Amino acid sequence: MLDINKYVDNQRLAEVDPDGNLFELEHWSPLVAARLAKAEGLVLEDEHWLVIFHLRHHFRDVGNAANARELLRELEHKLFGHVDRRRLYELFPHGPIAQASRIAGLPLPPGTLDPSFGSSH
């Protein structure tokens, strides 16, 4: 549960909302991504960056995805050449769309936190 007092008192969190998403997209950089990932217990490696940059390019080119399932299928097929959802969950254990989008500094696509979709939030 969110403790609003911790959120208000912690100036480092001033640039993110209570769910950890950046308020302003232009504040993102690879350094910010590494810091966000570290806060979530991840060390970013090449495959992580591949997903993160794909999500950012997708957002730049077409805006927010219509839904999380569509974006997950796109990641599976375009980045890994076949369905490899397990690998995406190994990279981003709190949900490949939710966690990767937060680290990429992007808004979450509709349906990302739907319990039937498999997000761990």
PDB file of N, CA and C in Angstrom:
ATOM      1  N   MET A   1       0.842  -1.181   0.000  1.00  0.00           N
ATOM      2  CA  MET A   1       0.000   0.000   0.000  1.00  0.00           C
ATOM      3  C   MET A   1       0.888   1.245   0.000  1.00  0.00           C
ATOM      4  N   LEU A   2       0.479   2.235  -0.697  1.00  0.00           N
ATOM      5  CA  LEU A   2       1.227   3.484  -0.801  1.00  0.00           C
ATOM      6  C   LEU A   2       1.145   4.272   0.494  1.00  0.00           C
ATOM      7  N   ASP A   3       2.303   4.672   1.001  1.00  0.00           N
ATOM      8  CA  ASP A   3       2.348   5.567   2.162  1.00  0.00           C
ATOM      9  C   ASP A   3       2.610   6.956   1.607  1.00  0.00           C
ATOM     10  N   ILE A   4       1.575   7.777   1.542  1.00  0.00           N
ATOM     11  CA  ILE A   4       1.675   9.097   0.927  1.00  0.00           C
ATOM     12  C   ILE A   4       2.694   9.976   1.626  1.00  0.00           C
ATOM     13  N   ASN A   5       2.891   9.788   2.927  1.00  0.00           N
ATOM     14  CA  ASN A   5       3.882  10.596   3.639  1.00  0.00           C
ATOM     15  C   ASN A   5       5.294  10.316   3.147  1.00  0.00           C
ATOM     16  N   LYS A   6       5.610   9.036   2.877  1.00  0.00           N
ATOM     17  CA  LYS A   6       6.925   8.711   2.315  1.00  0.00           C
ATOM     18  C   LYS A   6       7.078   9.362   0.944  1.00  0.00           C
ATOM     19  N   TYR A   7       6.011   9.331   0.162  1.00  0.00           N
ATOM     20  CA  TYR A   7       6.043   9.905  -1.176  1.00  0.00           C
ATOM     21  C   TYR A   7       6.285  11.411  -1.126  1.00  0.00           C
ATOM     22  N   VAL A   8       5.601  12.105  -0.257  1.00  0.00           N
ATOM     23  CA  VAL A   8       5.730  13.552  -0.149  1.00  0.00           C
ATOM     24  C   VAL A   8       7.099  13.932   0.404  1.00  0.00           C
ATOM     25  N   ASP A   9       7.594  13.181   1.390  1.00  0.00           N
ATOM     26  CA  ASP A   9       8.865  13.503   2.033  1.00  0.00           C
ATOM     27  C   ASP A   9      10.086  13.149   1.197  1.00  0.00           C
ATOM     28  N   ASN A  10       9.971  12.232   0.270  1.00  0.00           N
ATOM     29  CA  ASN A  10      11.115  11.769  -0.498  1.00  0.00           C
ATOM     30  C   ASN A  10      11.233  12.574  -1.795  1.00  0.00           C
ATOM     31  N   GLN A  11      12.149  13.511  -1.843  1.00  0.00           N
ATOM     32  CA  GLN A  11      12.303  14.389  -3.006  1.00  0.00           C
ATOM     33  C   GLN A  11      12.734  13.623  -4.255  1.00  0.00           C
ATOM     34  N   ARG A  12      13.446  12.499  -4.077  1.00  0.00           N
ATOM     35  CA  ARG A  12      13.883  11.699  -5.227  1.00  0.00           C
ATOM     36  C   ARG A  12      12.680  11.189  -6.016  1.00  0.00           C
ATOM     37  N   LEU A  13      11.568  10.966  -5.316  1.00  0.00           N
ATOM     38  CA  LEU A  13      10.379  10.461  -5.972  1.00  0.00           C
ATOM     39  C   LEU A  13       9.532  11.559  -6.603  1.00  0.00           C
ATOM     40  N   ALA A  14       9.952  12.803  -6.476  1.00  0.00           N
ATOM     41  CA  ALA A  14       9.149  13.914  -6.975  1.00  0.00           C
ATOM     42  C   ALA A  14       8.910  13.828  -8.472  1.00  0.00           C
ATOM     43  N   GLU A  15       9.778  13.148  -9.184  1.00  0.00           N
ATOM     44  CA  GLU A  15       9.611  13.088 -10.631  1.00  0.00           C
ATOM     45  C   GLU A  15       8.789  11.895 -11.099  1.00  0.00           C
ATOM     46  N   VAL A  16       8.334  11.051 -10.178  1.00  0.00           N
ATOM     47  CA  VAL A  16       7.495   9.919 -10.552  1.00  0.00           C
ATOM     48  C   VAL A  16       6.194   9.947  -9.782  1.00  0.00           C
ATOM     49  N   ASP A  17       5.177   9.309 -10.332  1.00  0.00           N
ATOM     50  CA  ASP A  17       3.907   9.213  -9.627  1.00  0.00           C
ATOM     51  C   ASP A  17       3.978   8.080  -8.598  1.00  0.00           C
ATOM     52  N   PRO A  18       2.948   7.893  -7.800  1.00  0.00           N
ATOM     53  CA  PRO A  18       2.992   6.846  -6.767  1.00  0.00           C
ATOM     54  C   PRO A  18       3.209   5.432  -7.312  1.00  0.00           C
ATOM     55  N   ASP A  19       2.901   5.194  -8.579  1.00  0.00           N
ATOM     56  CA  ASP A  19       3.129   3.880  -9.180  1.00  0.00           C
ATOM     57  C   ASP A  19       4.511   3.742  -9.781  1.00  0.00           C
ATOM     58  N   GLY A  20       5.330   4.799  -9.728  1.00  0.00           N
ATOM     59  CA  GLY A  20       6.687   4.737 -10.255  1.00  0.00           C
ATOM     60  C   GLY A  20       6.835   5.186 -11.695  1.00  0.00           C
ATOM     61  N   ASN A  21       5.777   5.710 -12.296  1.00  0.00           N
ATOM     62  CA  ASN A  21       5.840   6.179 -13.679  1.00  0.00           C
ATOM     63  C   ASN A  21       6.289   7.634 -13.715  1.00  0.00           C
ATOM     64  N   LEU A  22       7.140   7.969 -14.664  1.00  0.00           N
ATOM     65  CA  LEU A  22       7.620   9.339 -14.791  1.00  0.00           C
ATOM     66  C   LEU A  22       6.474  10.265 -15.176  1.00  0.00           C
ATOM     67  N   PHE A  23       6.442  11.453 -14.578  1.00  0.00           N
ATOM     68  CA  PHE A  23       5.424  12.434 -14.930  1.00  0.00           C
ATOM     69  C   PHE A  23       5.683  13.027 -16.308  1.00  0.00           C
ATOM     70  N   GLU A  24       6.911  13.318 -16.606  1.00  0.00           N
ATOM     71  CA  GLU A  24       7.256  13.968 -17.867  1.00  0.00           C
ATOM     72  C   GLU A  24       8.130  13.051 -18.707  1.00  0.00           C
ATOM     73  N   LEU A  25       7.716  12.755 -19.931  1.00  0.00           N
ATOM     74  CA  LEU A  25       8.458  11.839 -20.787  1.00  0.00           C
ATOM     75  C   LEU A  25       9.844  12.371 -21.136  1.00  0.00           C
ATOM     76  N   GLU A  26       9.992  13.681 -21.221  1.00  0.00           N
ATOM     77  CA  GLU A  26      11.281  14.238 -21.632  1.00  0.00           C
ATOM     78  C   GLU A  26      12.357  14.100 -20.558  1.00  0.00           C
ATOM     79  N   HIS A  27      11.991  13.730 -19.334  1.00  0.00           N
ATOM     80  CA  HIS A  27      12.990  13.553 -18.281  1.00  0.00           C
ATOM     81  C   HIS A  27      13.704  12.215 -18.369  1.00  0.00           C
ATOM     82  N   TRP A  28      13.332  11.361 -19.295  1.00  0.00           N
ATOM     83  CA  TRP A  28      13.919  10.038 -19.415  1.00  0.00           C
ATOM     84  C   TRP A  28      15.282  10.091 -20.100  1.00  0.00           C
ATOM     85  N   SER A  29      16.175   9.237 -19.665  1.00  0.00           N
ATOM     86  CA  SER A  29      17.459   9.006 -20.317  1.00  0.00           C
ATOM     87  C   SER A  29      17.885   7.598 -19.935  1.00  0.00           C
ATOM     88  N   PRO A  30      18.867   7.026 -20.610  1.00  0.00           N
ATOM     89  CA  PRO A  30      19.350   5.702 -20.191  1.00  0.00           C
ATOM     90  C   PRO A  30      19.823   5.684 -18.735  1.00  0.00           C
ATOM     91  N   LEU A  31      20.364   6.783 -18.273  1.00  0.00           N
ATOM     92  CA  LEU A  31      20.790   6.860 -16.873  1.00  0.00           C
ATOM     93  C   LEU A  31      19.580   6.794 -15.939  1.00  0.00           C
ATOM     94  N   VAL A  32      18.514   7.488 -16.290  1.00  0.00           N
ATOM     95  CA  VAL A  32      17.279   7.432 -15.507  1.00  0.00           C
ATOM     96  C   VAL A  32      16.735   6.001 -15.535  1.00  0.00           C
ATOM     97  N   ALA A  33      16.766   5.372 -16.700  1.00  0.00           N
ATOM     98  CA  ALA A  33      16.277   3.994 -16.818  1.00  0.00           C
ATOM     99  C   ALA A  33      17.076   3.054 -15.922  1.00  0.00           C
ATOM    100  N   ALA A  34      18.384   3.205 -15.908  1.00  0.00           N
ATOM    101  CA  ALA A  34      19.226   2.350 -15.067  1.00  0.00           C
ATOM    102  C   ALA A  34      18.898   2.558 -13.591  1.00  0.00           C
ATOM    103  N   ARG A  35      18.649   3.794 -13.210  1.00  0.00           N
ATOM    104  CA  ARG A  35      18.298   4.102 -11.821  1.00  0.00           C
ATOM    105  C   ARG A  35      16.939   3.509 -11.454  1.00  0.00           C
ATOM    106  N   LEU A  36      15.963   3.648 -12.357  1.00  0.00           N
ATOM    107  CA  LEU A  36      14.637   3.082 -12.116  1.00  0.00           C
ATOM    108  C   LEU A  36      14.710   1.557 -12.022  1.00  0.00           C
ATOM    109  N   ALA A  37      15.500   0.956 -12.903  1.00  0.00           N
ATOM    110  CA  ALA A  37      15.656  -0.496 -12.893  1.00  0.00           C
ATOM    111  C   ALA A  37      16.311  -0.967 -11.598  1.00  0.00           C
ATOM    112  N   LYS A  38      17.328  -0.253 -11.172  1.00  0.00           N
ATOM    113  CA  LYS A  38      18.019  -0.614  -9.927  1.00  0.00           C
ATOM    114  C   LYS A  38      17.055  -0.564  -8.746  1.00  0.00           C
ATOM    115  N   ALA A  39      16.181   0.430  -8.729  1.00  0.00           N
ATOM    116  CA  ALA A  39      15.186   0.544  -7.660  1.00  0.00           C
ATOM    117  C   ALA A  39      14.220  -0.639  -7.672  1.00  0.00           C
ATOM    118  N   GLU A  40      14.067  -1.278  -8.833  1.00  0.00           N
ATOM    119  CA  GLU A  40      13.190  -2.447  -8.955  1.00  0.00           C
ATOM    120  C   GLU A  40      13.972  -3.751  -8.878  1.00  0.00           C
ATOM    121  N   GLY A  41      15.261  -3.656  -8.566  1.00  0.00           N
ATOM    122  CA  GLY A  41      16.081  -4.852  -8.399  1.00  0.00           C
ATOM    123  C   GLY A  41      16.604  -5.451  -9.683  1.00  0.00           C
ATOM    124  N   LEU A  42      16.640  -4.678 -10.755  1.00  0.00           N
ATOM    125  CA  LEU A  42      17.123  -5.174 -12.044  1.00  0.00           C
ATOM    126  C   LEU A  42      18.448  -4.524 -12.418  1.00  0.00           C
ATOM    127  N   VAL A  43      19.294  -5.289 -13.068  1.00  0.00           N
ATOM    128  CA  VAL A  43      20.498  -4.768 -13.700  1.00  0.00           C
ATOM    129  C   VAL A  43      20.253  -4.908 -15.194  1.00  0.00           C
ATOM    130  N   LEU A  44      20.228  -3.792 -15.907  1.00  0.00           N
ATOM    131  CA  LEU A  44      19.876  -3.813 -17.321  1.00  0.00           C
ATOM    132  C   LEU A  44      21.013  -4.359 -18.176  1.00  0.00           C
ATOM    133  N   GLU A  45      20.663  -5.351 -18.979  1.00  0.00           N
ATOM    134  CA  GLU A  45      21.599  -5.947 -19.925  1.00  0.00           C
ATOM    135  C   GLU A  45      21.063  -5.727 -21.333  1.00  0.00           C
ATOM    136  N   ASP A  46      21.759  -6.241 -22.340  1.00  0.00           N
ATOM    137  CA  ASP A  46      21.412  -5.972 -23.734  1.00  0.00           C
ATOM    138  C   ASP A  46      19.954  -6.288 -24.072  1.00  0.00           C
ATOM    139  N   GLU A  47      19.440  -7.434 -23.622  1.00  0.00           N
ATOM    140  CA  GLU A  47      18.054  -7.787 -23.947  1.00  0.00           C
ATOM    141  C   GLU A  47      17.061  -6.836 -23.280  1.00  0.00           C
ATOM    142  N   HIS A  48      17.372  -6.373 -22.087  1.00  0.00           N
ATOM    143  CA  HIS A  48      16.514  -5.381 -21.432  1.00  0.00           C
ATOM    144  C   HIS A  48      16.449  -4.113 -22.286  1.00  0.00           C
ATOM    145  N   TRP A  49      17.618  -3.643 -22.718  1.00  0.00           N
ATOM    146  CA  TRP A  49      17.670  -2.411 -23.515  1.00  0.00           C
ATOM    147  C   TRP A  49      16.938  -2.586 -24.834  1.00  0.00           C
ATOM    148  N   LEU A  50      17.018  -3.773 -25.423  1.00  0.00           N
ATOM    149  CA  LEU A  50      16.311  -4.040 -26.672  1.00  0.00           C
ATOM    150  C   LEU A  50      14.807  -3.816 -26.478  1.00  0.00           C
ATOM    151  N   VAL A  51      14.264  -4.339 -25.402  1.00  0.00           N
ATOM    152  CA  VAL A  51      12.835  -4.168 -25.099  1.00  0.00           C
ATOM    153  C   VAL A  51      12.526  -2.708 -24.801  1.00  0.00           C
ATOM    154  N   ILE A  52      13.326  -2.081 -23.960  1.00  0.00           N
ATOM    155  CA  ILE A  52      13.093  -0.694 -23.558  1.00  0.00           C
ATOM    156  C   ILE A  52      13.099   0.238 -24.768  1.00  0.00           C
ATOM    157  N   PHE A  53      14.118   0.117 -25.617  1.00  0.00           N
ATOM    158  CA  PHE A  53      14.186   1.004 -26.782  1.00  0.00           C
ATOM    159  C   PHE A  53      13.092   0.691 -27.793  1.00  0.00           C
ATOM    160  N   HIS A  54      12.705  -0.578 -27.909  1.00  0.00           N
ATOM    161  CA  HIS A  54      11.587  -0.905 -28.801  1.00  0.00           C
ATOM    162  C   HIS A  54      10.310  -0.223 -28.319  1.00  0.00           C
ATOM    163  N   LEU A  55      10.058  -0.287 -27.010  1.00  0.00           N
ATOM    164  CA  LEU A  55       8.863   0.369 -26.459  1.00  0.00           C
ATOM    165  C   LEU A  55       8.901   1.872 -26.694  1.00  0.00           C
ATOM    166  N   ARG A  56      10.055   2.491 -26.506  1.00  0.00           N
ATOM    167  CA  ARG A  56      10.173   3.943 -26.716  1.00  0.00           C
ATOM    168  C   ARG A  56       9.971   4.303 -28.188  1.00  0.00           C
ATOM    169  N   HIS A  57      10.548   3.513 -29.090  1.00  0.00           N
ATOM    170  CA  HIS A  57      10.373   3.790 -30.522  1.00  0.00           C
ATOM    171  C   HIS A  57       8.915   3.584 -30.924  1.00  0.00           C
ATOM    172  N   HIS A  58       8.301   2.536 -30.395  1.00  0.00           N
ATOM    173  CA  HIS A  58       6.888   2.295 -30.693  1.00  0.00           C
ATOM    174  C   HIS A  58       6.047   3.481 -30.233  1.00  0.00           C
ATOM    175  N   PHE A  59       6.298   3.965 -29.029  1.00  0.00           N
ATOM    176  CA  PHE A  59       5.543   5.106 -28.503  1.00  0.00           C
ATOM    177  C   PHE A  59       5.792   6.353 -29.342  1.00  0.00           C
ATOM    178  N   ARG A  60       7.036   6.582 -29.742  1.00  0.00           N
ATOM    179  CA  ARG A  60       7.362   7.753 -30.561  1.00  0.00           C
ATOM    180  C   ARG A  60       6.662   7.690 -31.916  1.00  0.00           C
ATOM    181  N   ASP A  61       6.640   6.491 -32.509  1.00  0.00           N
ATOM    182  CA  ASP A  61       6.097   6.345 -33.861  1.00  0.00           C
ATOM    183  C   ASP A  61       4.570   6.296 -33.913  1.00  0.00           C
ATOM    184  N   VAL A  62       3.927   5.607 -32.963  1.00  0.00           N
ATOM    185  CA  VAL A  62       2.480   5.425 -33.046  1.00  0.00           C
ATOM    186  C   VAL A  62       1.728   5.844 -31.796  1.00  0.00           C
ATOM    187  N   GLY A  63       2.420   6.325 -30.795  1.00  0.00           N
ATOM    188  CA  GLY A  63       1.760   6.689 -29.548  1.00  0.00           C
ATOM    189  C   GLY A  63       1.561   5.470 -28.671  1.00  0.00           C
ATOM    190  N   ASN A  64       0.716   5.618 -27.688  1.00  0.00           N
ATOM    191  CA  ASN A  64       0.471   4.522 -26.759  1.00  0.00           C
ATOM    192  C   ASN A  64      -0.192   3.364 -27.493  1.00  0.00           C
ATOM    193  N   ALA A  65       0.167   2.142 -27.137  1.00  0.00           N
ATOM    194  CA  ALA A  65      -0.416   0.951 -27.759  1.00  0.00           C
ATOM    195  C   ALA A  65      -1.907   0.896 -27.457  1.00  0.00           C
ATOM    196  N   ALA A  66      -2.644   0.258 -28.346  1.00  0.00           N
ATOM    197  CA  ALA A  66      -4.081   0.112 -28.146  1.00  0.00           C
ATOM    198  C   ALA A  66      -4.363  -0.693 -26.880  1.00  0.00           C
ATOM    199  N   ASN A  67      -3.545  -1.710 -26.617  1.00  0.00           N
ATOM    200  CA  ASN A  67      -3.678  -2.486 -25.383  1.00  0.00           C
ATOM    201  C   ASN A  67      -2.382  -3.240 -25.117  1.00  0.00           C
ATOM    202  N   ALA A  68      -2.253  -3.718 -23.891  1.00  0.00           N
ATOM    203  CA  ALA A  68      -1.025  -4.374 -23.457  1.00  0.00           C
ATOM    204  C   ALA A  68      -0.797  -5.699 -24.176  1.00  0.00           C
ATOM    205  N   ARG A  69      -1.852  -6.440 -24.431  1.00  0.00           N
ATOM    206  CA  ARG A  69      -1.701  -7.745 -25.111  1.00  0.00           C
ATOM    207  C   ARG A  69      -1.100  -7.568 -26.501  1.00  0.00           C
ATOM    208  N   GLU A  70      -1.585  -6.567 -27.219  1.00  0.00           N
ATOM    209  CA  GLU A  70      -1.072  -6.289 -28.561  1.00  0.00           C
ATOM    210  C   GLU A  70       0.424  -5.968 -28.506  1.00  0.00           C
ATOM    211  N   LEU A  71       0.803  -5.162 -27.558  1.00  0.00           N
ATOM    212  CA  LEU A  71       2.202  -4.773 -27.412  1.00  0.00           C
ATOM    213  C   LEU A  71       3.075  -5.962 -27.004  1.00  0.00           C
ATOM    214  N   LEU A  72       2.575  -6.817 -26.145  1.00  0.00           N
ATOM    215  CA  LEU A  72       3.324  -8.009 -25.737  1.00  0.00           C
ATOM    216  C   LEU A  72       3.542  -8.934 -26.931  1.00  0.00           C
ATOM    217  N   ARG A  73       2.512  -9.153 -27.735  1.00  0.00           N
ATOM    218  CA  ARG A  73       2.669  -9.993 -28.935  1.00  0.00           C
ATOM    219  C   ARG A  73       3.700  -9.389 -29.890  1.00  0.00           C
ATOM    220  N   GLU A  74       3.670  -8.062 -30.020  1.00  0.00           N
ATOM    221  CA  GLU A  74       4.641  -7.394 -30.886  1.00  0.00           C
ATOM    222  C   GLU A  74       6.063  -7.625 -30.374  1.00  0.00           C
ATOM    223  N   LEU A  75       6.266  -7.494 -29.081  1.00  0.00           N
ATOM    224  CA  LEU A  75       7.593  -7.748 -28.505  1.00  0.00           C
ATOM    225  C   LEU A  75       8.036  -9.181 -28.765  1.00  0.00           C
ATOM    226  N   GLU A  76       7.133 -10.120 -28.560  1.00  0.00           N
ATOM    227  CA  GLU A  76       7.470 -11.534 -28.755  1.00  0.00           C
ATOM    228  C   GLU A  76       7.913 -11.814 -30.183  1.00  0.00           C
ATOM    229  N   HIS A  77       7.180 -11.285 -31.137  1.00  0.00           N
ATOM    230  CA  HIS A  77       7.450 -11.612 -32.536  1.00  0.00           C
ATOM    231  C   HIS A  77       8.552 -10.765 -33.162  1.00  0.00           C
ATOM    232  N   LYS A  78       8.549  -9.474 -32.919  1.00  0.00           N
ATOM    233  CA  LYS A  78       9.538  -8.604 -33.556  1.00  0.00           C
ATOM    234  C   LYS A  78      10.912  -8.702 -32.913  1.00  0.00           C
ATOM    235  N   LEU A  79      10.967  -8.849 -31.604  1.00  0.00           N
ATOM    236  CA  LEU A  79      12.260  -8.845 -30.937  1.00  0.00           C
ATOM    237  C   LEU A  79      12.875 -10.222 -30.806  1.00  0.00           C
ATOM    238  N   PHE A  80      12.054 -11.235 -30.652  1.00  0.00           N
ATOM    239  CA  PHE A  80      12.588 -12.563 -30.410  1.00  0.00           C
ATOM    240  C   PHE A  80      12.304 -13.534 -31.548  1.00  0.00           C
ATOM    241  N   GLY A  81      11.590 -13.084 -32.570  1.00  0.00           N
ATOM    242  CA  GLY A  81      11.362 -13.892 -33.758  1.00  0.00           C
ATOM    243  C   GLY A  81      10.386 -15.042 -33.574  1.00  0.00           C
ATOM    244  N   HIS A  82       9.932 -15.271 -32.389  1.00  0.00           N
ATOM    245  CA  HIS A  82       8.957 -16.317 -32.105  1.00  0.00           C
ATOM    246  C   HIS A  82       8.341 -16.024 -30.736  1.00  0.00           C
ATOM    247  N   VAL A  83       7.351 -16.790 -30.387  1.00  0.00           N
ATOM    248  CA  VAL A  83       6.698 -16.556 -29.100  1.00  0.00           C
ATOM    249  C   VAL A  83       7.632 -17.005 -27.985  1.00  0.00           C
ATOM    250  N   ASP A  84       8.079 -16.063 -27.186  1.00  0.00           N
ATOM    251  CA  ASP A  84       8.984 -16.363 -26.084  1.00  0.00           C
ATOM    252  C   ASP A  84       8.596 -15.505 -24.883  1.00  0.00           C
ATOM    253  N   ARG A  85       7.360 -15.654 -24.475  1.00  0.00           N
ATOM    254  CA  ARG A  85       6.834 -14.867 -23.364  1.00  0.00           C
ATOM    255  C   ARG A  85       7.606 -15.146 -22.075  1.00  0.00           C
ATOM    256  N   ARG A  86       8.044 -16.390 -21.904  1.00  0.00           N
ATOM    257  CA  ARG A  86       8.780 -16.750 -20.695  1.00  0.00           C
ATOM    258  C   ARG A  86      10.045 -15.907 -20.563  1.00  0.00           C
ATOM    259  N   ARG A  87      10.743 -15.704 -21.675  1.00  0.00           N
ATOM    260  CA  ARG A  87      11.973 -14.905 -21.628  1.00  0.00           C
ATOM    261  C   ARG A  87      11.668 -13.456 -21.241  1.00  0.00           C
ATOM    262  N   LEU A  88      10.576 -12.913 -21.755  1.00  0.00           N
ATOM    263  CA  LEU A  88      10.200 -11.549 -21.396  1.00  0.00           C
ATOM    264  C   LEU A  88       9.908 -11.433 -19.901  1.00  0.00           C
ATOM    265  N   TYR A  89       9.266 -12.451 -19.332  1.00  0.00           N
ATOM    266  CA  TYR A  89       8.999 -12.433 -17.889  1.00  0.00           C
ATOM    267  C   TYR A  89      10.265 -12.669 -17.075  1.00  0.00           C
ATOM    268  N   GLU A  90      11.248 -13.364 -17.634  1.00  0.00           N
ATOM    269  CA  GLU A  90      12.539 -13.501 -16.957  1.00  0.00           C
ATOM    270  C   GLU A  90      13.249 -12.152 -16.904  1.00  0.00           C
ATOM    271  N   LEU A  91      13.157 -11.397 -17.998  1.00  0.00           N
ATOM    272  CA  LEU A  91      13.794 -10.080 -18.056  1.00  0.00           C
ATOM    273  C   LEU A  91      13.085  -9.081 -17.142  1.00  0.00           C
ATOM    274  N   PHE A  92      11.759  -9.103 -17.174  1.00  0.00           N
ATOM    275  CA  PHE A  92      10.947  -8.153 -16.413  1.00  0.00           C
ATOM    276  C   PHE A  92       9.938  -8.936 -15.579  1.00  0.00           C
ATOM    277  N   PRO A  93      10.359  -9.431 -14.406  1.00  0.00           N
ATOM    278  CA  PRO A  93       9.507 -10.319 -13.609  1.00  0.00           C
ATOM    279  C   PRO A  93       8.213  -9.694 -13.089  1.00  0.00           C
ATOM    280  N   HIS A  94       8.107  -8.383 -13.068  1.00  0.00           N
ATOM    281  CA  HIS A  94       6.868  -7.737 -12.617  1.00  0.00           C
ATOM    282  C   HIS A  94       5.967  -7.390 -13.796  1.00  0.00           C
ATOM    283  N   GLY A  95       6.148  -8.100 -14.887  1.00  0.00           N
ATOM    284  CA  GLY A  95       5.335  -7.904 -16.080  1.00  0.00           C
ATOM    285  C   GLY A  95       6.135  -7.213 -17.166  1.00  0.00           C
ATOM    286  N   PRO A  96       6.303  -7.861 -18.318  1.00  0.00           N
ATOM    287  CA  PRO A  96       7.133  -7.278 -19.371  1.00  0.00           C
ATOM    288  C   PRO A  96       6.627  -5.947 -19.901  1.00  0.00           C
ATOM    289  N   ILE A  97       5.337  -5.710 -19.860  1.00  0.00           N
ATOM    290  CA  ILE A  97       4.820  -4.431 -20.344  1.00  0.00           C
ATOM    291  C   ILE A  97       4.833  -3.413 -19.213  1.00  0.00           C
ATOM    292  N   ALA A  98       4.307  -3.779 -18.048  1.00  0.00           N
ATOM    293  CA  ALA A  98       4.229  -2.823 -16.935  1.00  0.00           C
ATOM    294  C   ALA A  98       5.615  -2.387 -16.474  1.00  0.00           C
ATOM    295  N   GLN A  99       6.471  -3.330 -16.150  1.00  0.00           N
ATOM    296  CA  GLN A  99       7.782  -2.981 -15.612  1.00  0.00           C
ATOM    297  C   GLN A  99       8.666  -2.337 -16.679  1.00  0.00           C
ATOM    298  N   ALA A 100       8.665  -2.876 -17.886  1.00  0.00           N
ATOM    299  CA  ALA A 100       9.488  -2.296 -18.950  1.00  0.00           C
ATOM    300  C   ALA A 100       9.016  -0.897 -19.317  1.00  0.00           C
ATOM    301  N   SER A 101       7.714  -0.677 -19.330  1.00  0.00           N
ATOM    302  CA  SER A 101       7.194   0.660 -19.639  1.00  0.00           C
ATOM    303  C   SER A 101       7.595   1.664 -18.572  1.00  0.00           C
ATOM    304  N   ARG A 102       7.515   1.266 -17.302  1.00  0.00           N
ATOM    305  CA  ARG A 102       7.945   2.168 -16.223  1.00  0.00           C
ATOM    306  C   ARG A 102       9.413   2.537 -16.393  1.00  0.00           C
ATOM    307  N   ILE A 103      10.253   1.539 -16.648  1.00  0.00           N
ATOM    308  CA  ILE A 103      11.690   1.790 -16.805  1.00  0.00           C
ATOM    309  C   ILE A 103      11.956   2.628 -18.053  1.00  0.00           C
ATOM    310  N   ALA A 104      11.149   2.430 -19.094  1.00  0.00           N
ATOM    311  CA  ALA A 104      11.298   3.199 -20.333  1.00  0.00           C
ATOM    312  C   ALA A 104      10.719   4.599 -20.202  1.00  0.00           C
ATOM    313  N   GLY A 105      10.078   4.900 -19.071  1.00  0.00           N
ATOM    314  CA  GLY A 105       9.521   6.229 -18.849  1.00  0.00           C
ATOM    315  C   GLY A 105       8.257   6.495 -19.640  1.00  0.00           C
ATOM    316  N   LEU A 106       7.504   5.445 -19.933  1.00  0.00           N
ATOM    317  CA  LEU A 106       6.316   5.573 -20.769  1.00  0.00           C
ATOM    318  C   LEU A 106       5.042   5.317 -19.967  1.00  0.00           C
ATOM    319  N   PRO A 107       3.926   5.892 -20.421  1.00  0.00           N
ATOM    320  CA  PRO A 107       2.654   5.574 -19.772  1.00  0.00           C
ATOM    321  C   PRO A 107       2.283   4.120 -20.057  1.00  0.00           C
ATOM    322  N   LEU A 108       1.556   3.524 -19.147  1.00  0.00           N
ATOM    323  CA  LEU A 108       1.152   2.127 -19.326  1.00  0.00           C
ATOM    324  C   LEU A 108       0.016   2.025 -20.329  1.00  0.00           C
ATOM    325  N   PRO A 109       0.105   1.065 -21.256  1.00  0.00           N
ATOM    326  CA  PRO A 109      -1.005   0.860 -22.195  1.00  0.00           C
ATOM    327  C   PRO A 109      -2.244   0.352 -21.466  1.00  0.00           C
ATOM    328  N   PRO A 110      -3.424   0.580 -22.023  1.00  0.00           N
ATOM    329  CA  PRO A 110      -4.649   0.078 -21.405  1.00  0.00           C
ATOM    330  C   PRO A 110      -4.573  -1.432 -21.198  1.00  0.00           C
ATOM    331  N   GLY A 111      -5.058  -1.885 -20.056  1.00  0.00           N
ATOM    332  CA  GLY A 111      -5.091  -3.316 -19.763  1.00  0.00           C
ATOM    333  C   GLY A 111      -3.829  -3.864 -19.139  1.00  0.00           C
ATOM    334  N   THR A 112      -2.815  -3.026 -18.948  1.00  0.00           N
ATOM    335  CA  THR A 112      -1.550  -3.515 -18.417  1.00  0.00           C
ATOM    336  C   THR A 112      -1.699  -4.073 -17.016  1.00  0.00           C
ATOM    337  N   LEU A 113      -2.482  -3.434 -16.187  1.00  0.00           N
ATOM    338  CA  LEU A 113      -2.619  -3.885 -14.807  1.00  0.00           C
ATOM    339  C   LEU A 113      -3.883  -4.721 -14.586  1.00  0.00           C
ATOM    340  N   ASP A 114      -4.465  -5.215 -15.672  1.00  0.00           N
ATOM    341  CA  ASP A 114      -5.623  -6.090 -15.593  1.00  0.00           C
ATOM    342  C   ASP A 114      -5.182  -7.425 -14.989  1.00  0.00           C
ATOM    343  N   PRO A 115      -5.782  -7.864 -13.875  1.00  0.00           N
ATOM    344  CA  PRO A 115      -5.362  -9.115 -13.233  1.00  0.00           C
ATOM    345  C   PRO A 115      -5.433 -10.313 -14.165  1.00  0.00           C
ATOM    346  N   SER A 116      -6.338 -10.315 -15.117  1.00  0.00           N
ATOM    347  CA  SER A 116      -6.442 -11.461 -16.026  1.00  0.00           C
ATOM    348  C   SER A 116      -5.301 -11.470 -17.050  1.00  0.00           C
ATOM    349  N   PHE A 117      -4.560 -10.360 -17.166  1.00  0.00           N
ATOM    350  CA  PHE A 117      -3.469 -10.271 -18.136  1.00  0.00           C
ATOM    351  C   PHE A 117      -2.189 -10.874 -17.581  1.00  0.00           C
ATOM    352  N   GLY A 118      -2.040 -10.982 -16.280  1.00  0.00           N
ATOM    353  CA  GLY A 118      -0.871 -11.626 -15.721  1.00  0.00           C
ATOM    354  C   GLY A 118       0.139 -10.682 -15.101  1.00  0.00           C
ATOM    355  N   SER A 119      -0.178  -9.407 -14.953  1.00  0.00           N
ATOM    356  CA  SER A 119       0.733  -8.511 -14.254  1.00  0.00           C
ATOM    357  C   SER A 119       0.758  -8.908 -12.800  1.00  0.00           C
ATOM    358  N   SER A 120       1.907  -8.789 -12.170  1.00  0.00           N
ATOM    359  CA  SER A 120       2.009  -9.167 -10.767  1.00  0.00           C
ATOM    360  C   SER A 120       1.615  -8.033  -9.840  1.00  0.00           C
ATOM    361  N   HIS A 121       1.106  -6.915 -10.366  1.00  0.00           N
ATOM    362  CA  HIS A 121       0.698  -5.786  -9.524  1.00  0.00           C
ATOM    363  C   HIS A 121      -0.732  -5.930  -9.126  1.00  0.00           C
TER     364      HIS A 121
END
